[in-house]
Amino acid sequence: MNAPTTRKKVQKKCKIRGYILKVDALEEILSFVSCLPGPDEDEAIDLLLDQLEHESLKSTIIDLGTGAPGGKPSNRS
């Protein structure tokens, strides 16, 4: 996939899961995903985001939003 399409896909998937990305985090994710061309890109993005759910997010480049998309409270702790 081309870079703009992949960038939008990463941003959309992160937003759906309630993550707020800074530019540095987005660039790192895109760098990781670019190593896995083709249909593996989607799986790589999903696996990365699944792993983030198990990590404590005290980073300054990625934050878990205060609520789920649509303004509904998030089930995440």
C-alpha atoms as a PDB file:
ATOM      1  CA  MET A   1       0.000   0.000   0.000  1.00  0.00           C
ATOM      2  CA  ASN A   2       1.112   3.544  -0.498  1.00  0.00           C
ATOM      3  CA  ALA A   3       2.212   5.729   2.409  1.00  0.00           C
ATOM      4  CA  PRO A   4      -0.807   8.100   2.568  1.00  0.00           C
ATOM      5  CA  THR A   5      -3.225   5.158   2.577  1.00  0.00           C
ATOM      6  CA  THR A   6      -1.266   3.355   5.278  1.00  0.00           C
ATOM      7  CA  ARG A   7      -1.014   6.543   7.360  1.00  0.00           C
ATOM      8  CA  LYS A   8      -4.791   7.030   7.229  1.00  0.00           C
ATOM      9  CA  LYS A   9      -5.372   3.382   8.082  1.00  0.00           C
ATOM     10  CA  VAL A  10      -3.094   3.587  11.145  1.00  0.00           C
ATOM     11  CA  GLN A  11      -4.726   6.825  12.310  1.00  0.00           C
ATOM     12  CA  LYS A  12      -8.221   5.363  11.884  1.00  0.00           C
ATOM     13  CA  LYS A  13      -7.421   2.134  13.730  1.00  0.00           C
ATOM     14  CA  CYS A  14      -5.781   4.055  16.579  1.00  0.00           C
ATOM     15  CA  LYS A  15      -8.727   6.437  16.845  1.00  0.00           C
ATOM     16  CA  ILE A  16     -11.201   3.539  16.922  1.00  0.00           C
ATOM     17  CA  ARG A  17      -9.292   2.035  19.850  1.00  0.00           C
ATOM     18  CA  GLY A  18      -9.147   5.369  21.641  1.00  0.00           C
ATOM     19  CA  TYR A  19      -5.456   6.174  21.167  1.00  0.00           C
ATOM     20  CA  ILE A  20      -4.218   9.698  20.605  1.00  0.00           C
ATOM     21  CA  LEU A  21      -1.024   9.652  18.541  1.00  0.00           C
ATOM     22  CA  LYS A  22       1.606  12.301  18.309  1.00  0.00           C
ATOM     23  CA  VAL A  23       3.597  12.593  15.094  1.00  0.00           C
ATOM     24  CA  ASP A  24       6.576  10.671  16.506  1.00  0.00           C
ATOM     25  CA  ALA A  25       4.416   7.690  17.442  1.00  0.00           C
ATOM     26  CA  LEU A  26       2.716   7.671  14.053  1.00  0.00           C
ATOM     27  CA  GLU A  27       6.091   7.724  12.294  1.00  0.00           C
ATOM     28  CA  GLU A  28       7.335   4.800  14.404  1.00  0.00           C
ATOM     29  CA  ILE A  29       4.223   2.750  13.662  1.00  0.00           C
ATOM     30  CA  LEU A  30       4.527   3.511   9.946  1.00  0.00           C
ATOM     31  CA  SER A  31       8.189   2.480  10.028  1.00  0.00           C
ATOM     32  CA  PHE A  32       7.261  -0.823  11.673  1.00  0.00           C
ATOM     33  CA  VAL A  33       4.402  -1.494   9.263  1.00  0.00           C
ATOM     34  CA  SER A  34       6.512  -0.656   6.193  1.00  0.00           C
ATOM     35  CA  CYS A  35       8.674  -3.701   6.959  1.00  0.00           C
ATOM     36  CA  LEU A  36       5.650  -5.923   6.311  1.00  0.00           C
ATOM     37  CA  PRO A  37       4.264  -5.109   2.850  1.00  0.00           C
ATOM     38  CA  GLY A  38       0.949  -6.217   1.432  1.00  0.00           C
ATOM     39  CA  PRO A  39      -1.813  -7.893   3.404  1.00  0.00           C
ATOM     40  CA  ASP A  40       0.504  -8.274   6.407  1.00  0.00           C
ATOM     41  CA  GLU A  41       0.206  -4.510   7.066  1.00  0.00           C
ATOM     42  CA  ASP A  42      -3.295  -4.808   8.515  1.00  0.00           C
ATOM     43  CA  GLU A  43      -2.301  -7.698  10.718  1.00  0.00           C
ATOM     44  CA  ALA A  44       0.838  -5.888  11.899  1.00  0.00           C
ATOM     45  CA  ILE A  45      -1.173  -2.797  12.868  1.00  0.00           C
ATOM     46  CA  ASP A  46      -3.734  -4.884  14.740  1.00  0.00           C
ATOM     47  CA  LEU A  47      -1.063  -6.904  16.559  1.00  0.00           C
ATOM     48  CA  LEU A  48       0.753  -3.743  17.586  1.00  0.00           C
ATOM     49  CA  LEU A  49      -2.430  -2.164  18.915  1.00  0.00           C
ATOM     50  CA  ASP A  50      -3.372  -5.396  20.702  1.00  0.00           C
ATOM     51  CA  GLN A  51       0.025  -5.344  22.419  1.00  0.00           C
ATOM     52  CA  LEU A  52      -0.458  -1.715  23.465  1.00  0.00           C
ATOM     53  CA  GLU A  53      -3.574  -2.751  25.382  1.00  0.00           C
ATOM     54  CA  HIS A  54      -1.311  -4.781  27.693  1.00  0.00           C
ATOM     55  CA  GLU A  55       1.269  -2.047  28.209  1.00  0.00           C
ATOM     56  CA  SER A  56       1.219   0.798  30.660  1.00  0.00           C
ATOM     57  CA  LEU A  57       1.011   3.939  28.548  1.00  0.00           C
ATOM     58  CA  LYS A  58       3.176   6.486  30.273  1.00  0.00           C
ATOM     59  CA  SER A  59       4.719   7.649  27.036  1.00  0.00           C
ATOM     60  CA  THR A  60       4.630  11.221  25.875  1.00  0.00           C
ATOM     61  CA  ILE A  61       4.022  10.200  22.256  1.00  0.00           C
ATOM     62  CA  ILE A  62       0.936   8.001  22.626  1.00  0.00           C
ATOM     63  CA  ASP A  63      -1.921   8.401  25.076  1.00  0.00           C
ATOM     64  CA  LEU A  64      -5.110   6.536  25.689  1.00  0.00           C
ATOM     65  CA  GLY A  65      -7.951   8.975  25.164  1.00  0.00           C
ATOM     66  CA  THR A  66     -10.292   9.812  28.014  1.00  0.00           C
ATOM     67  CA  GLY A  67     -13.247   8.237  26.272  1.00  0.00           C
ATOM     68  CA  ALA A  68     -14.201   6.006  23.422  1.00  0.00           C
ATOM     69  CA  PRO A  69     -15.021   7.508  20.038  1.00  0.00           C
ATOM     70  CA  GLY A  70     -18.370   9.221  20.004  1.00  0.00           C
ATOM     71  CA  GLY A  71     -17.940  10.626  23.503  1.00  0.00           C
ATOM     72  CA  LYS A  72     -18.930   7.400  25.250  1.00  0.00           C
ATOM     73  CA  PRO A  73     -16.942   6.360  28.317  1.00  0.00           C
ATOM     74  CA  SER A  74     -14.142   3.912  27.611  1.00  0.00           C
ATOM     75  CA  ASN A  75     -14.085   0.459  29.210  1.00  0.00           C
ATOM     76  CA  ARG A  76     -10.307   0.683  29.607  1.00  0.00           C
ATOM     77  CA  SER A  77      -8.753   1.246  32.994  1.00  0.00           C
END
